[in-house]
């Protein structure tokens, strides 16, 4: 009979130990679940921050590309104007040379006429 009582007490101790281990394990699992939920929320918040940052960077890139297109257009226009100005400068120089040559010819004709008139008067 005493052996049965000891066995029953041992069985009750084993059950109590198993309950304690199960309670501890349940507490650990709850802590893990809460920690994972917190990490998941933190990751979700971080992902939302990154999505916002990505959108801001995409907008900045779009804006900068627009500025580059505008700057390229202005540079192209300036290059074209510079080329036209250079062409016009060359035309003006050529016209000036042509007129100077024409004036030299006329002056030469006048001098020649004056020499002839002076020679005829002598």
PDB file of N, CA and C in Angstrom:
ATOM      1  N   UNK A   1       0.820  -1.185   0.000  1.00  0.00           N
ATOM      2  CA  UNK A   1       0.000   0.000   0.000  1.00  0.00           C
ATOM      3  C   UNK A   1       0.875   1.265   0.000  1.00  0.00           C
ATOM      4  N   UNK A   2       1.964   1.275   0.830  1.00  0.00           N
ATOM      5  CA  UNK A   2       2.858   2.418   0.855  1.00  0.00           C
ATOM      6  C   UNK A   2       3.512   2.631  -0.498  1.00  0.00           C
ATOM      7  N   UNK A   3       3.809   1.539  -1.157  1.00  0.00           N
ATOM      8  CA  UNK A   3       4.424   1.648  -2.485  1.00  0.00           C
ATOM      9  C   UNK A   3       3.450   2.313  -3.444  1.00  0.00           C
ATOM     10  N   UNK A   4       2.210   1.997  -3.312  1.00  0.00           N
ATOM     11  CA  UNK A   4       1.194   2.629  -4.170  1.00  0.00           C
ATOM     12  C   UNK A   4       1.099   4.115  -3.866  1.00  0.00           C
ATOM     13  N   UNK A   5       1.165   4.473  -2.588  1.00  0.00           N
ATOM     14  CA  UNK A   5       1.092   5.880  -2.198  1.00  0.00           C
ATOM     15  C   UNK A   5       2.311   6.620  -2.751  1.00  0.00           C
ATOM     16  N   UNK A   6       3.519   5.969  -2.606  1.00  0.00           N
ATOM     17  CA  UNK A   6       4.719   6.603  -3.149  1.00  0.00           C
ATOM     18  C   UNK A   6       4.605   6.765  -4.665  1.00  0.00           C
ATOM     19  N   UNK A   7       4.095   5.754  -5.305  1.00  0.00           N
ATOM     20  CA  UNK A   7       3.951   5.809  -6.769  1.00  0.00           C
ATOM     21  C   UNK A   7       2.965   6.903  -7.149  1.00  0.00           C
ATOM     22  N   UNK A   8       1.887   7.006  -6.385  1.00  0.00           N
ATOM     23  CA  UNK A   8       0.885   8.061  -6.675  1.00  0.00           C
ATOM     24  C   UNK A   8       1.484   9.437  -6.431  1.00  0.00           C
ATOM     25  N   UNK A   9       2.234   9.599  -5.349  1.00  0.00           N
ATOM     26  CA  UNK A   9       2.883  10.877  -5.081  1.00  0.00           C
ATOM     27  C   UNK A   9       3.879  11.221  -6.206  1.00  0.00           C
ATOM     28  N   UNK A  10       4.643  10.184  -6.607  1.00  0.00           N
ATOM     29  CA  UNK A  10       5.606  10.421  -7.691  1.00  0.00           C
ATOM     30  C   UNK A  10       4.876  10.828  -8.967  1.00  0.00           C
ATOM     31  N   UNK A  11       3.752  10.136  -9.255  1.00  0.00           N
ATOM     32  CA  UNK A  11       2.959  10.477 -10.432  1.00  0.00           C
ATOM     33  C   UNK A  11       2.452  11.901 -10.336  1.00  0.00           C
ATOM     34  N   UNK A  12       1.992  12.339  -9.162  1.00  0.00           N
ATOM     35  CA  UNK A  12       1.517  13.701  -8.967  1.00  0.00           C
ATOM     36  C   UNK A  12       2.669  14.701  -9.110  1.00  0.00           C
ATOM     37  N   UNK A  13       3.854  14.360  -8.596  1.00  0.00           N
ATOM     38  CA  UNK A  13       5.024  15.224  -8.760  1.00  0.00           C
ATOM     39  C   UNK A  13       5.398  15.346 -10.240  1.00  0.00           C
ATOM     40  N   UNK A  14       5.344  14.206 -10.948  1.00  0.00           N
ATOM     41  CA  UNK A  14       5.654  14.226 -12.387  1.00  0.00           C
ATOM     42  C   UNK A  14       4.650  15.090 -13.141  1.00  0.00           C
ATOM     43  N   UNK A  15       3.382  14.952 -12.789  1.00  0.00           N
ATOM     44  CA  UNK A  15       2.338  15.763 -13.432  1.00  0.00           C
ATOM     45  C   UNK A  15       2.562  17.233 -13.123  1.00  0.00           C
ATOM     46  N   UNK A  16       2.885  17.542 -11.861  1.00  0.00           N
ATOM     47  CA  UNK A  16       3.128  18.931 -11.464  1.00  0.00           C
ATOM     48  C   UNK A  16       4.338  19.494 -12.219  1.00  0.00           C
ATOM     49  N   UNK A  17       5.402  18.678 -12.342  1.00  0.00           N
ATOM     50  CA  UNK A  17       6.591  19.111 -13.078  1.00  0.00           C
ATOM     51  C   UNK A  17       6.250  19.346 -14.553  1.00  0.00           C
ATOM     52  N   UNK A  18       5.497  18.434 -15.135  1.00  0.00           N
ATOM     53  CA  UNK A  18       5.088  18.591 -16.534  1.00  0.00           C
ATOM     54  C   UNK A  18       4.241  19.849 -16.713  1.00  0.00           C
ATOM     55  N   UNK A  19       3.352  20.119 -15.757  1.00  0.00           N
ATOM     56  CA  UNK A  19       2.537  21.340 -15.830  1.00  0.00           C
ATOM     57  C   UNK A  19       3.426  22.579 -15.752  1.00  0.00           C
ATOM     58  N   UNK A  20       4.405  22.562 -14.871  1.00  0.00           N
ATOM     59  CA  UNK A  20       5.311  23.698 -14.725  1.00  0.00           C
ATOM     60  C   UNK A  20       6.123  23.907 -16.007  1.00  0.00           C
ATOM     61  N   UNK A  21       6.636  22.814 -16.566  1.00  0.00           N
ATOM     62  CA  UNK A  21       7.397  22.906 -17.819  1.00  0.00           C
ATOM     63  C   UNK A  21       6.496  23.421 -18.937  1.00  0.00           C
ATOM     64  N   UNK A  22       5.273  22.914 -19.002  1.00  0.00           N
ATOM     65  CA  UNK A  22       4.324  23.356 -20.036  1.00  0.00           C
ATOM     66  C   UNK A  22       3.972  24.825 -19.870  1.00  0.00           C
ATOM     67  N   UNK A  23       3.792  25.266 -18.610  1.00  0.00           N
ATOM     68  CA  UNK A  23       3.478  26.667 -18.344  1.00  0.00           C
ATOM     69  C   UNK A  23       4.644  27.559 -18.775  1.00  0.00           C
ATOM     70  N   UNK A  24       5.865  27.133 -18.435  1.00  0.00           N
ATOM     71  CA  UNK A  24       7.047  27.901 -18.857  1.00  0.00           C
ATOM     72  C   UNK A  24       7.151  27.948 -20.384  1.00  0.00           C
ATOM     73  N   UNK A  25       6.942  26.808 -21.014  1.00  0.00           N
ATOM     74  CA  UNK A  25       7.030  26.755 -22.481  1.00  0.00           C
ATOM     75  C   UNK A  25       5.955  27.636 -23.108  1.00  0.00           C
ATOM     76  N   UNK A  26       4.751  27.624 -22.532  1.00  0.00           N
ATOM     77  CA  UNK A  26       3.662  28.465 -23.039  1.00  0.00           C
ATOM     78  C   UNK A  26       4.027  29.943 -22.895  1.00  0.00           C
ATOM     79  N   UNK A  27       4.637  30.322 -21.780  1.00  0.00           N
ATOM     80  CA  UNK A  27       5.055  31.712 -21.568  1.00  0.00           C
ATOM     81  C   UNK A  27       6.130  32.093 -22.591  1.00  0.00           C
ATOM     82  N   UNK A  28       7.074  31.180 -22.843  1.00  0.00           N
ATOM     83  CA  UNK A  28       8.108  31.443 -23.846  1.00  0.00           C
ATOM     84  C   UNK A  28       7.493  31.630 -25.237  1.00  0.00           C
ATOM     85  N   UNK A  29       6.531  30.777 -25.565  1.00  0.00           N
ATOM     86  CA  UNK A  29       5.878  30.877 -26.874  1.00  0.00           C
ATOM     87  C   UNK A  29       5.104  32.185 -27.006  1.00  0.00           C
ATOM     88  N   UNK A  30       4.441  32.606 -25.932  1.00  0.00           N
ATOM     89  CA  UNK A  30       3.716  33.880 -25.966  1.00  0.00           C
ATOM     90  C   UNK A  30       4.693  35.044 -26.146  1.00  0.00           C
ATOM     91  N   UNK A  31       5.809  34.994 -25.409  1.00  0.00           N
ATOM     92  CA  UNK A  31       6.829  36.045 -25.559  1.00  0.00           C
ATOM     93  C   UNK A  31       7.364  36.079 -26.991  1.00  0.00           C
ATOM     94  N   UNK A  32       7.623  34.894 -27.524  1.00  0.00           N
ATOM     95  CA  UNK A  32       8.118  34.823 -28.909  1.00  0.00           C
ATOM     96  C   UNK A  32       7.095  35.393 -29.880  1.00  0.00           C
ATOM     97  N   UNK A  33       5.823  35.052 -29.665  1.00  0.00           N
ATOM     98  CA  UNK A  33       4.768  35.557 -30.541  1.00  0.00           C
ATOM     99  C   UNK A  33       4.684  37.081 -30.460  1.00  0.00           C
ATOM    100  N   UNK A  34       4.762  37.639 -29.245  1.00  0.00           N
ATOM    101  CA  UNK A  34       4.718  39.094 -29.081  1.00  0.00           C
ATOM    102  C   UNK A  34       5.942  39.760 -29.723  1.00  0.00           C
ATOM    103  N   UNK A  35       7.112  39.145 -29.533  1.00  0.00           N
ATOM    104  CA  UNK A  35       8.332  39.693 -30.124  1.00  0.00           C
ATOM    105  C   UNK A  35       8.243  39.653 -31.657  1.00  0.00           C
ATOM    106  N   UNK A  36       7.767  38.551 -32.207  1.00  0.00           N
ATOM    107  CA  UNK A  36       7.623  38.439 -33.661  1.00  0.00           C
ATOM    108  C   UNK A  36       6.599  39.438 -34.199  1.00  0.00           C
ATOM    109  N   UNK A  37       5.515  39.630 -33.452  1.00  0.00           N
ATOM    110  CA  UNK A  37       4.508  40.615 -33.875  1.00  0.00           C
ATOM    111  C   UNK A  37       5.111  42.015 -33.865  1.00  0.00           C
ATOM    112  N   UNK A  38       5.899  42.304 -32.829  1.00  0.00           N
ATOM    113  CA  UNK A  38       6.553  43.614 -32.757  1.00  0.00           C
ATOM    114  C   UNK A  38       7.546  43.781 -33.903  1.00  0.00           C
ATOM    115  N   UNK A  39       8.338  42.748 -34.179  1.00  0.00           N
ATOM    116  CA  UNK A  39       9.295  42.810 -35.288  1.00  0.00           C
ATOM    117  C   UNK A  39       8.573  42.965 -36.626  1.00  0.00           C
ATOM    118  N   UNK A  40       7.453  42.251 -36.780  1.00  0.00           N
ATOM    119  CA  UNK A  40       6.667  42.347 -38.011  1.00  0.00           C
ATOM    120  C   UNK A  40       6.133  43.767 -38.185  1.00  0.00           C
ATOM    121  N   UNK A  41       5.625  44.362 -37.100  1.00  0.00           N
ATOM    122  CA  UNK A  41       5.136  45.743 -37.183  1.00  0.00           C
ATOM    123  C   UNK A  41       6.271  46.712 -37.503  1.00  0.00           C
ATOM    124  N   UNK A  42       7.419  46.475 -36.879  1.00  0.00           N
ATOM    125  CA  UNK A  42       8.576  47.323 -37.151  1.00  0.00           C
ATOM    126  C   UNK A  42       9.005  47.185 -38.611  1.00  0.00           C
ATOM    127  N   UNK A  43       9.031  45.958 -39.109  1.00  0.00           N
ATOM    128  CA  UNK A  43       9.404  45.725 -40.511  1.00  0.00           C
ATOM    129  C   UNK A  43       8.391  46.371 -41.451  1.00  0.00           C
ATOM    130  N   UNK A  44       7.115  46.284 -41.102  1.00  0.00           N
ATOM    131  CA  UNK A  44       6.070  46.894 -41.928  1.00  0.00           C
ATOM    132  C   UNK A  44       6.246  48.417 -41.955  1.00  0.00           C
ATOM    133  N   UNK A  45       6.506  48.999 -40.780  1.00  0.00           N
ATOM    134  CA  UNK A  45       6.730  50.446 -40.706  1.00  0.00           C
ATOM    135  C   UNK A  45       7.954  50.838 -41.521  1.00  0.00           C
ATOM    136  N   UNK A  46       9.030  50.068 -41.383  1.00  0.00           N
ATOM    137  CA  UNK A  46      10.252  50.344 -42.138  1.00  0.00           C
ATOM    138  C   UNK A  46       9.994  50.218 -43.640  1.00  0.00           C
ATOM    139  N   UNK A  47       9.213  49.223 -44.032  1.00  0.00           N
ATOM    140  CA  UNK A  47       8.893  49.049 -45.455  1.00  0.00           C
ATOM    141  C   UNK A  47       8.106  50.247 -45.971  1.00  0.00           C
ATOM    142  N   UNK A  48       7.166  50.743 -45.167  1.00  0.00           N
ATOM    143  CA  UNK A  48       6.390  51.913 -45.581  1.00  0.00           C
ATOM    144  C   UNK A  48       7.286  53.138 -45.710  1.00  0.00           C
ATOM    145  N   UNK A  49       8.234  53.278 -44.782  1.00  0.00           N
ATOM    146  CA  UNK A  49       9.189  54.391 -44.857  1.00  0.00           C
ATOM    147  C   UNK A  49      10.002  54.273 -46.139  1.00  0.00           C
ATOM    148  N   UNK A  50      10.462  53.069 -46.449  1.00  0.00           N
ATOM    149  CA  UNK A  50      11.264  52.850 -47.657  1.00  0.00           C
ATOM    150  C   UNK A  50      10.442  53.092 -48.926  1.00  0.00           C
ATOM    151  N   UNK A  51       9.170  52.718 -48.891  1.00  0.00           N
ATOM    152  CA  UNK A  51       8.305  52.981 -50.049  1.00  0.00           C
ATOM    153  C   UNK A  51       8.177  54.489 -50.256  1.00  0.00           C
ATOM    154  N   UNK A  52       7.981  55.222 -49.171  1.00  0.00           N
ATOM    155  CA  UNK A  52       7.900  56.681 -49.270  1.00  0.00           C
ATOM    156  C   UNK A  52       9.199  57.282 -49.770  1.00  0.00           C
ATOM    157  N   UNK A  53      10.304  56.776 -49.265  1.00  0.00           N
ATOM    158  CA  UNK A  53      11.620  57.268 -49.700  1.00  0.00           C
ATOM    159  C   UNK A  53      11.836  56.966 -51.178  1.00  0.00           C
ATOM    160  N   UNK A  54      11.453  55.775 -51.580  1.00  0.00           N
ATOM    161  CA  UNK A  54      11.592  55.388 -52.990  1.00  0.00           C
ATOM    162  C   UNK A  54      10.746  56.301 -53.874  1.00  0.00           C
ATOM    163  N   UNK A  55       9.537  56.591 -53.444  1.00  0.00           N
ATOM    164  CA  UNK A  55       8.665  57.483 -54.220  1.00  0.00           C
ATOM    165  C   UNK A  55       9.273  58.883 -54.304  1.00  0.00           C
ATOM    166  N   UNK A  56       9.823  59.361 -53.194  1.00  0.00           N
ATOM    167  CA  UNK A  56      10.452  60.688 -53.195  1.00  0.00           C
ATOM    168  C   UNK A  56      11.664  60.712 -54.122  1.00  0.00           C
ATOM    169  N   UNK A  57      12.457  59.654 -54.082  1.00  0.00           N
ATOM    170  CA  UNK A  57      13.625  59.581 -54.965  1.00  0.00           C
ATOM    171  C   UNK A  57      13.211  59.484 -56.429  1.00  0.00           C
ATOM    172  N   UNK A  58      12.143  58.731 -56.701  1.00  0.00           N
ATOM    173  CA  UNK A  58      11.655  58.628 -58.081  1.00  0.00           C
ATOM    174  C   UNK A  58      11.179  59.991 -58.570  1.00  0.00           C
ATOM    175  N   UNK A  59      10.506  60.738 -57.712  1.00  0.00           N
ATOM    176  CA  UNK A  59      10.043  62.081 -58.083  1.00  0.00           C
ATOM    177  C   UNK A  59      11.233  63.012 -58.316  1.00  0.00           C
ATOM    178  N   UNK A  60      12.230  62.920 -57.447  1.00  0.00           N
ATOM    179  CA  UNK A  60      13.436  63.738 -57.604  1.00  0.00           C
ATOM    180  C   UNK A  60      14.147  63.402 -58.919  1.00  0.00           C
ATOM    181  N   UNK A  61      14.225  62.118 -59.226  1.00  0.00           N
ATOM    182  CA  UNK A  61      14.851  61.689 -60.481  1.00  0.00           C
ATOM    183  C   UNK A  61      14.076  62.224 -61.674  1.00  0.00           C
ATOM    184  N   UNK A  62      12.740  62.176 -61.624  1.00  0.00           N
ATOM    185  CA  UNK A  62      11.912  62.686 -62.712  1.00  0.00           C
ATOM    186  C   UNK A  62      12.145  64.187 -62.887  1.00  0.00           C
ATOM    187  N   UNK A  63      12.199  64.906 -61.765  1.00  0.00           N
ATOM    188  CA  UNK A  63      12.421  66.346 -61.817  1.00  0.00           C
ATOM    189  C   UNK A  63      13.796  66.667 -62.407  1.00  0.00           C
ATOM    190  N   UNK A  64      14.799  65.943 -61.947  1.00  0.00           N
ATOM    191  CA  UNK A  64      16.158  66.181 -62.446  1.00  0.00           C
ATOM    192  C   UNK A  64      16.275  65.857 -63.930  1.00  0.00           C
ATOM    193  N   UNK A  65      15.607  64.796 -64.362  1.00  0.00           N
ATOM    194  CA  UNK A  65      15.625  64.469 -65.796  1.00  0.00           C
ATOM    195  C   UNK A  65      14.981  65.590 -66.599  1.00  0.00           C
ATOM    196  N   UNK A  66      13.911  66.166 -66.068  1.00  0.00           N
ATOM    197  CA  UNK A  66      13.281  67.306 -66.732  1.00  0.00           C
ATOM    198  C   UNK A  66      14.226  68.487 -66.813  1.00  0.00           C
ATOM    199  N   UNK A  67      14.949  68.742 -65.729  1.00  0.00           N
ATOM    200  CA  UNK A  67      15.922  69.840 -65.736  1.00  0.00           C
ATOM    201  C   UNK A  67      17.034  69.575 -66.748  1.00  0.00           C
ATOM    202  N   UNK A  68      17.474  68.323 -66.833  1.00  0.00           N
ATOM    203  CA  UNK A  68      18.530  67.970 -67.790  1.00  0.00           C
ATOM    204  C   UNK A  68      18.039  68.192 -69.213  1.00  0.00           C
ATOM    205  N   UNK A  69      16.800  67.781 -69.487  1.00  0.00           N
ATOM    206  CA  UNK A  69      16.245  67.988 -70.831  1.00  0.00           C
ATOM    207  C   UNK A  69      16.193  69.483 -71.143  1.00  0.00           C
ATOM    208  N   UNK A  70      15.760  70.285 -70.183  1.00  0.00           N
ATOM    209  CA  UNK A  70      15.714  71.736 -70.378  1.00  0.00           C
ATOM    210  C   UNK A  70      17.103  72.319 -70.599  1.00  0.00           C
ATOM    211  N   UNK A  71      18.063  71.875 -69.797  1.00  0.00           N
ATOM    212  CA  UNK A  71      19.441  72.375 -69.941  1.00  0.00           C
ATOM    213  C   UNK A  71      20.023  71.964 -71.288  1.00  0.00           C
ATOM    214  N   UNK A  72      19.724  70.739 -71.722  1.00  0.00           N
ATOM    215  CA  UNK A  72      20.212  70.291 -73.029  1.00  0.00           C
ATOM    216  C   UNK A  72      19.593  71.121 -74.145  1.00  0.00           C
ATOM    217  N   UNK A  73      18.306  71.433 -74.010  1.00  0.00           N
ATOM    218  CA  UNK A  73      17.639  72.252 -75.029  1.00  0.00           C
ATOM    219  C   UNK A  73      18.260  73.649 -75.069  1.00  0.00           C
ATOM    220  N   UNK A  74      18.506  74.233 -73.885  1.00  0.00           N
ATOM    221  CA  UNK A  74      19.134  75.558 -73.846  1.00  0.00           C
ATOM    222  C   UNK A  74      20.540  75.517 -74.439  1.00  0.00           C
ATOM    223  N   UNK A  75      21.288  74.480 -74.103  1.00  0.00           N
ATOM    224  CA  UNK A  75      22.652  74.347 -74.633  1.00  0.00           C
ATOM    225  C   UNK A  75      22.622  74.181 -76.146  1.00  0.00           C
ATOM    226  N   UNK A  76      21.674  73.390 -76.630  1.00  0.00           N
ATOM    227  CA  UNK A  76      21.547  73.189 -78.074  1.00  0.00           C
ATOM    228  C   UNK A  76      21.191  74.505 -78.755  1.00  0.00           C
ATOM    229  N   UNK A  77      20.256  75.246 -78.171  1.00  0.00           N
ATOM    230  CA  UNK A  77      19.872  76.552 -78.718  1.00  0.00           C
ATOM    231  C   UNK A  77      21.050  77.510 -78.721  1.00  0.00           C
ATOM    232  N   UNK A  78      21.812  77.510 -77.631  1.00  0.00           N
ATOM    233  CA  UNK A  78      22.988  78.390 -77.554  1.00  0.00           C
ATOM    234  C   UNK A  78      24.020  78.004 -78.605  1.00  0.00           C
ATOM    235  N   UNK A  79      24.215  76.731 -78.802  1.00  0.00           N
ATOM    236  CA  UNK A  79      25.168  76.256 -79.806  1.00  0.00           C
ATOM    237  C   UNK A  79      24.721  76.679 -81.197  1.00  0.00           C
ATOM    238  N   UNK A  80      23.420  76.535 -81.453  1.00  0.00           N
ATOM    239  CA  UNK A  80      22.895  76.941 -82.766  1.00  0.00           C
ATOM    240  C   UNK A  80      23.053  78.449 -82.965  1.00  0.00           C
ATOM    241  N   UNK A  81      22.739  79.229 -81.934  1.00  0.00           N
ATOM    242  CA  UNK A  81      22.890  80.688 -82.043  1.00  0.00           C
ATOM    243  C   UNK A  81      24.351  81.068 -82.242  1.00  0.00           C
ATOM    244  N   UNK A  82      25.242  80.403 -81.537  1.00  0.00           N
ATOM    245  CA  UNK A  82      26.673  80.685 -81.692  1.00  0.00           C
ATOM    246  C   UNK A  82      27.127  80.356 -83.112  1.00  0.00           C
ATOM    247  N   UNK A  83      26.644  79.250 -83.654  1.00  0.00           N
ATOM    248  CA  UNK A  83      27.013  78.874 -85.027  1.00  0.00           C
ATOM    249  C   UNK A  83      26.478  79.900 -86.017  1.00  0.00           C
ATOM    250  N   UNK A  84      25.219  80.336 -85.810  1.00  0.00           N
ATOM    251  CA  UNK A  84      24.644  81.355 -86.707  1.00  0.00           C
ATOM    252  C   UNK A  84      25.411  82.668 -86.585  1.00  0.00           C
ATOM    253  N   UNK A  85      25.787  83.036 -85.354  1.00  0.00           N
ATOM    254  CA  UNK A  85      26.549  84.273 -85.147  1.00  0.00           C
ATOM    255  C   UNK A  85      27.904  84.187 -85.838  1.00  0.00           C
ATOM    256  N   UNK A  86      28.551  83.062 -85.718  1.00  0.00           N
ATOM    257  CA  UNK A  86      29.851  82.874 -86.370  1.00  0.00           C
ATOM    258  C   UNK A  86      29.699  82.941 -87.889  1.00  0.00           C
ATOM    259  N   UNK A  87      28.646  82.311 -88.390  1.00  0.00           N
ATOM    260  CA  UNK A  87      28.388  82.353 -89.837  1.00  0.00           C
ATOM    261  C   UNK A  87      28.137  83.790 -90.292  1.00  0.00           C
ATOM    262  N   UNK A  88      27.329  84.511 -89.525  1.00  0.00           N
ATOM    263  CA  UNK A  88      27.028  85.909 -89.863  1.00  0.00           C
ATOM    264  C   UNK A  88      28.300  86.751 -89.790  1.00  0.00           C
ATOM    265  N   UNK A  89      29.135  86.509 -88.803  1.00  0.00           N
ATOM    266  CA  UNK A  89      30.399  87.231 -88.657  1.00  0.00           C
ATOM    267  C   UNK A  89      31.268  87.007 -89.893  1.00  0.00           C
ATOM    268  N   UNK A  90      31.327  85.777 -90.350  1.00  0.00           N
ATOM    269  CA  UNK A  90      32.114  85.476 -91.552  1.00  0.00           C
ATOM    270  C   UNK A  90      31.527  86.180 -92.776  1.00  0.00           C
ATOM    271  N   UNK A  91      30.189  86.197 -92.859  1.00  0.00           N
ATOM    272  CA  UNK A  91      29.535  86.886 -93.980  1.00  0.00           C
ATOM    273  C   UNK A  91      29.850  88.382 -93.953  1.00  0.00           C
ATOM    274  N   UNK A  92      29.778  88.989 -92.758  1.00  0.00           N
ATOM    275  CA  UNK A  92      30.049  90.425 -92.614  1.00  0.00           C
ATOM    276  C   UNK A  92      31.505  90.714 -92.979  1.00  0.00           C
ATOM    277  N   UNK A  93      32.430  89.871 -92.516  1.00  0.00           N
ATOM    278  CA  UNK A  93      33.840  90.062 -92.865  1.00  0.00           C
ATOM    279  C   UNK A  93      34.038  89.967 -94.376  1.00  0.00           C
ATOM    280  N   UNK A  94      33.406  88.979 -94.996  1.00  0.00           N
ATOM    281  CA  UNK A  94      33.542  88.811 -96.447  1.00  0.00           C
ATOM    282  C   UNK A  94      32.954  90.012 -97.174  1.00  0.00           C
ATOM    283  N   UNK A  95      31.788  90.484 -96.702  1.00  0.00           N
ATOM    284  CA  UNK A  95      31.157  91.660 -97.323  1.00  0.00           C
ATOM    285  C   UNK A  95      32.054  92.882 -97.145  1.00  0.00           C
ATOM    286  N   UNK A  96      32.653  93.044 -95.958  1.00  0.00           N
ATOM    287  CA  UNK A  96      33.566  94.158 -95.700  1.00  0.00           C
ATOM    288  C   UNK A  96      34.775  94.100 -96.621  1.00  0.00           C
ATOM    289  N   UNK A  97      35.324  92.921 -96.789  1.00  0.00           N
ATOM    290  CA  UNK A  97      36.471  92.756 -97.692  1.00  0.00           C
ATOM    291  C   UNK A  97      36.078  93.094 -99.129  1.00  0.00           C
ATOM    292  N   UNK A  98      34.890  92.622 -99.539  1.00  0.00           N
ATOM    293  CA  UNK A  98      34.425  92.899-100.901  1.00  0.00           C
ATOM    294  C   UNK A  98      34.258  94.400-101.109  1.00  0.00           C
ATOM    295  N   UNK A  99      33.642  95.078-100.124  1.00  0.00           N
ATOM    296  CA  UNK A  99      33.432  96.527-100.236  1.00  0.00           C
ATOM    297  C   UNK A  99      34.763  97.276-100.218  1.00  0.00           C
ATOM    298  N   UNK A 100      35.682  96.854 -99.362  1.00  0.00           N
ATOM    299  CA  UNK A 100      36.997  97.500 -99.306  1.00  0.00           C
ATOM    300  C   UNK A 100      37.709  97.356-100.649  1.00  0.00           C
ATOM    301  N   UNK A 101      37.615  96.173-101.231  1.00  0.00           N
ATOM    302  CA  UNK A 101      38.238  95.946-102.535  1.00  0.00           C
ATOM    303  C   UNK A 101      37.591  96.831-103.595  1.00  0.00           C
ATOM    304  N   UNK A 102      36.269  96.933-103.514  1.00  0.00           N
ATOM    305  CA  UNK A 102      35.534  97.777-104.467  1.00  0.00           C
ATOM    306  C   UNK A 102      35.963  99.236-104.306  1.00  0.00           C
ATOM    307  N   UNK A 103      36.075  99.709-103.048  1.00  0.00           N
ATOM    308  CA  UNK A 103      36.506 101.085-102.790  1.00  0.00           C
ATOM    309  C   UNK A 103      37.942 101.315-103.249  1.00  0.00           C
ATOM    310  N   UNK A 104      38.816 100.347-103.039  1.00  0.00           N
ATOM    311  CA  UNK A 104      40.196 100.475-103.512  1.00  0.00           C
ATOM    312  C   UNK A 104      40.210 100.644-105.032  1.00  0.00           C
ATOM    313  N   UNK A 105      39.349  99.850-105.689  1.00  0.00           N
ATOM    314  CA  UNK A 105      39.266  99.952-107.152  1.00  0.00           C
ATOM    315  C   UNK A 105      38.797 101.332-107.578  1.00  0.00           C
ATOM    316  N   UNK A 106      37.784 101.855-106.907  1.00  0.00           N
ATOM    317  CA  UNK A 106      37.266 103.184-107.249  1.00  0.00           C
ATOM    318  C   UNK A 106      38.315 104.259-106.984  1.00  0.00           C
ATOM    319  N   UNK A 107      38.989 104.139-105.809  1.00  0.00           N
ATOM    320  CA  UNK A 107      40.039 105.114-105.484  1.00  0.00           C
ATOM    321  C   UNK A 107      41.140 105.049-106.542  1.00  0.00           C
ATOM    322  N   UNK A 108      41.485 103.851-106.940  1.00  0.00           N
ATOM    323  CA  UNK A 108      42.515 103.694-107.973  1.00  0.00           C
ATOM    324  C   UNK A 108      42.072 104.343-109.277  1.00  0.00           C
ATOM    325  N   UNK A 109      40.766 104.178-109.614  1.00  0.00           N
ATOM    326  CA  UNK A 109      40.243 104.807-110.832  1.00  0.00           C
ATOM    327  C   UNK A 109      40.321 106.332-110.715  1.00  0.00           C
ATOM    328  N   UNK A 110      39.953 106.844-109.520  1.00  0.00           N
ATOM    329  CA  UNK A 110      40.003 108.303-109.316  1.00  0.00           C
ATOM    330  C   UNK A 110      41.443 108.790-109.455  1.00  0.00           C
ATOM    331  N   UNK A 111      42.370 108.132-108.818  1.00  0.00           N
ATOM    332  CA  UNK A 111      43.776 108.519-108.924  1.00  0.00           C
ATOM    333  C   UNK A 111      44.271 108.430-110.373  1.00  0.00           C
ATOM    334  N   UNK A 112      43.855 107.408-111.006  1.00  0.00           N
ATOM    335  CA  UNK A 112      44.256 107.253-112.407  1.00  0.00           C
ATOM    336  C   UNK A 112      43.691 108.391-113.242  1.00  0.00           C
ATOM    337  N   UNK A 113      42.419 108.737-112.982  1.00  0.00           N
ATOM    338  CA  UNK A 113      41.783 109.850-113.693  1.00  0.00           C
ATOM    339  C   UNK A 113      42.478 111.158-113.370  1.00  0.00           C
ATOM    340  N   UNK A 114      42.834 111.348-112.098  1.00  0.00           N
ATOM    341  CA  UNK A 114      43.535 112.564-111.698  1.00  0.00           C
ATOM    342  C   UNK A 114      44.922 112.638-112.341  1.00  0.00           C
ATOM    343  N   UNK A 115      45.616 111.551-112.452  1.00  0.00           N
ATOM    344  CA  UNK A 115      46.925 111.541-113.096  1.00  0.00           C
ATOM    345  C   UNK A 115      46.783 111.890-114.571  1.00  0.00           C
ATOM    346  N   UNK A 116      45.743 111.314-115.174  1.00  0.00           N
ATOM    347  CA  UNK A 116      45.533 111.598-116.602  1.00  0.00           C
ATOM    348  C   UNK A 116      45.189 113.059-116.799  1.00  0.00           C
ATOM    349  N   UNK A 117      44.326 113.584-115.924  1.00  0.00           N
ATOM    350  CA  UNK A 117      43.931 114.984-116.032  1.00  0.00           C
ATOM    351  C   UNK A 117      45.136 115.875-115.761  1.00  0.00           C
ATOM    352  N   UNK A 118      45.969 115.498-114.800  1.00  0.00           N
ATOM    353  CA  UNK A 118      47.144 116.281-114.467  1.00  0.00           C
ATOM    354  C   UNK A 118      48.156 116.228-115.611  1.00  0.00           C
ATOM    355  N   UNK A 119      48.270 115.106-116.240  1.00  0.00           N
ATOM    356  CA  UNK A 119      49.201 114.965-117.359  1.00  0.00           C
ATOM    357  C   UNK A 119      48.698 115.753-118.552  1.00  0.00           C
ATOM    358  N   UNK A 120      47.371 115.795-118.752  1.00  0.00           N
ATOM    359  CA  UNK A 120      46.788 116.547-119.857  1.00  0.00           C
ATOM    360  C   UNK A 120      46.927 118.028-119.627  1.00  0.00           C
ATOM    361  N   UNK A 121      47.004 118.490-118.425  1.00  0.00           N
ATOM    362  CA  UNK A 121      47.135 119.905-118.114  1.00  0.00           C
ATOM    363  C   UNK A 121      48.580 120.367-118.277  1.00  0.00           C
ATOM    364  N   UNK A 122      49.463 119.519-118.274  1.00  0.00           N
ATOM    365  CA  UNK A 122      50.864 119.923-118.350  1.00  0.00           C
ATOM    366  C   UNK A 122      51.262 120.144-119.729  1.00  0.00           C
TER     367      UNK A 122
END
